[in-house]
Amino acid sequence: MKTQATTPNAPDAPFLSQAIISNGTIYVSGQIHGKPDGTVVDGTVKEKVEQIMQNISEILKSADATLDDIVKVVIYVTDMAQMPELNEVYPTYFNKPFPVREAVCVQALPLGATIEISVVAEK
């Protein structure tokens, strides 16, 4: 059985669930550096990642979970040159053992974003 987790404290998109919980696993939709009001955060990689992780944290909170419950992260970037700065800020959100991670370079992301992160967490 699957249930939906939602919050007004993170961006919402039509036809997408912010998160689905199935058998204790939480699948969070990819989050770009957008605010709940739909505006996109421009600025440094650090500022973008901060917004993304805030969105993910709020969605996980609505599913009764935290960043510590994340087991897998997928990061999408439009330019691999962002990775060194991303790698500086990314680990500050996690405790050991760190979740497994994939980084994928893509041609474009929604709303002109340059970074998108999706996660899988377990309760």
Protein backbone atom coordinates (compact mmCIF):
# COMPACT_ATOMS: atom_id res chain seq x y z
CA MET A 1 0.00 0.00 0.00
CA LYS A 2 1.25 3.46 -0.79
CA THR A 3 0.40 6.80 0.75
CA GLN A 4 1.27 10.33 -0.23
CA ALA A 5 3.23 12.77 1.92
CA THR A 6 2.75 16.48 1.23
CA THR A 7 3.61 19.83 2.75
CA PRO A 8 2.93 23.45 1.82
CA ASN A 9 6.51 24.17 2.98
CA ALA A 10 8.06 22.85 -0.25
CA PRO A 11 7.26 23.45 -3.92
CA ASP A 12 4.43 21.49 -5.41
CA ALA A 13 3.99 20.55 -9.05
CA PRO A 14 0.86 19.43 -10.86
CA PHE A 15 0.64 15.71 -11.56
CA LEU A 16 3.53 14.91 -9.17
CA SER A 17 3.60 13.71 -5.59
CA GLN A 18 6.10 15.39 -3.32
CA ALA A 19 6.69 11.98 -1.76
CA ILE A 20 5.22 8.50 -1.72
CA ILE A 21 5.56 6.14 1.23
CA SER A 22 5.45 2.45 0.41
CA ASN A 23 6.30 -0.32 2.89
CA GLY A 24 8.27 2.07 5.09
CA THR A 25 10.31 3.50 2.22
CA ILE A 26 9.89 7.18 1.33
CA TYR A 27 10.48 8.20 -2.27
CA VAL A 28 10.91 11.97 -2.58
CA SER A 29 10.42 13.57 -5.99
CA GLY A 30 13.34 15.50 -7.40
CA GLN A 31 13.64 18.93 -5.83
CA ILE A 32 15.12 21.91 -7.61
CA HIS A 33 16.26 25.11 -5.90
CA GLY A 34 12.76 26.55 -5.82
CA LYS A 35 10.93 28.12 -2.91
CA PRO A 36 7.44 26.99 -1.88
CA ASP A 37 5.99 30.05 -3.65
CA GLY A 38 7.43 28.82 -6.97
CA THR A 39 10.30 31.29 -7.30
CA VAL A 40 13.65 29.79 -8.22
CA VAL A 41 16.68 30.61 -6.05
CA ASP A 42 19.58 31.97 -8.06
CA GLY A 43 23.01 32.41 -6.58
CA THR A 44 25.82 30.13 -5.54
CA VAL A 45 25.76 26.37 -5.63
CA LYS A 46 25.70 26.48 -1.81
CA GLU A 47 22.57 28.67 -1.78
CA LYS A 48 20.86 26.40 -4.29
CA VAL A 49 21.72 23.24 -2.34
CA GLU A 50 20.53 24.88 0.89
CA GLN A 51 17.10 25.52 -0.67
CA ILE A 52 16.91 22.01 -2.11
CA MET A 53 17.83 20.38 1.19
CA GLN A 54 15.32 22.58 3.03
CA ASN A 55 12.62 21.39 0.61
CA ILE A 56 13.64 17.76 1.08
CA SER A 57 13.73 18.16 4.85
CA GLU A 58 10.22 19.62 4.91
CA ILE A 59 8.87 16.84 2.70
CA LEU A 60 10.52 14.19 4.88
CA LYS A 61 9.09 15.87 7.98
CA SER A 62 5.61 15.47 6.47
CA ALA A 63 6.40 11.75 6.19
CA ASP A 64 7.59 11.61 9.82
CA ALA A 65 11.25 11.27 8.77
CA THR A 66 14.46 13.33 8.72
CA LEU A 67 17.57 13.72 6.60
CA ASP A 68 19.16 11.02 8.78
CA ASP A 69 16.69 8.51 7.29
CA ILE A 70 17.97 9.02 3.73
CA VAL A 71 19.63 5.95 2.22
CA LYS A 72 20.07 7.06 -1.41
CA VAL A 73 20.60 10.40 -3.14
CA VAL A 74 20.56 11.19 -6.85
CA ILE A 75 21.94 14.57 -7.88
CA TYR A 76 21.28 16.01 -11.34
CA VAL A 77 23.40 18.94 -12.53
CA THR A 78 23.48 20.81 -15.82
CA ASP A 79 27.25 21.36 -15.52
CA MET A 80 29.71 19.04 -13.81
CA ALA A 81 31.81 22.11 -12.94
CA GLN A 82 29.29 22.62 -10.09
CA MET A 83 30.39 19.40 -8.40
CA PRO A 84 33.43 20.67 -6.45
CA GLU A 85 31.36 23.36 -4.68
CA LEU A 86 28.45 20.94 -4.28
CA ASN A 87 30.81 18.39 -2.71
CA GLU A 88 31.83 21.01 -0.11
CA VAL A 89 28.29 21.70 1.10
CA TYR A 90 26.58 18.33 0.46
CA PRO A 91 28.22 16.33 3.30
CA THR A 92 27.18 18.93 5.90
CA TYR A 93 23.61 17.65 5.70
CA PHE A 94 24.42 14.05 6.59
CA ASN A 95 25.94 11.96 9.35
CA LYS A 96 28.00 8.83 8.84
CA PRO A 97 27.34 6.45 7.32
CA PHE A 98 26.56 8.75 4.38
CA PRO A 99 23.78 7.72 2.01
CA VAL A 100 24.81 6.21 -1.29
CA ARG A 101 24.93 8.81 -4.04
CA GLU A 102 24.80 9.19 -7.79
CA ALA A 103 25.62 12.36 -9.74
CA VAL A 104 24.27 12.72 -13.26
CA CYS A 105 24.92 15.50 -15.75
CA VAL A 106 21.82 16.43 -17.78
CA GLN A 107 21.18 18.91 -20.55
CA ALA A 108 18.39 20.83 -18.79
CA LEU A 109 16.21 20.84 -15.66
CA PRO A 110 12.74 22.26 -14.95
CA LEU A 111 12.31 26.05 -14.66
CA GLY A 112 15.91 26.68 -15.69
CA ALA A 113 17.30 25.10 -12.52
CA THR A 114 20.90 23.90 -12.55
CA ILE A 115 20.64 21.34 -9.72
CA GLU A 116 17.97 18.79 -8.81
CA ILE A 117 18.18 16.25 -5.98
CA SER A 118 15.93 13.27 -5.30
CA VAL A 119 16.19 10.96 -2.31
CA VAL A 120 14.98 7.66 -0.95
CA ALA A 121 14.59 7.33 2.82
CA GLU A 122 13.55 4.55 5.17
CA LYS A 123 11.59 4.90 8.38
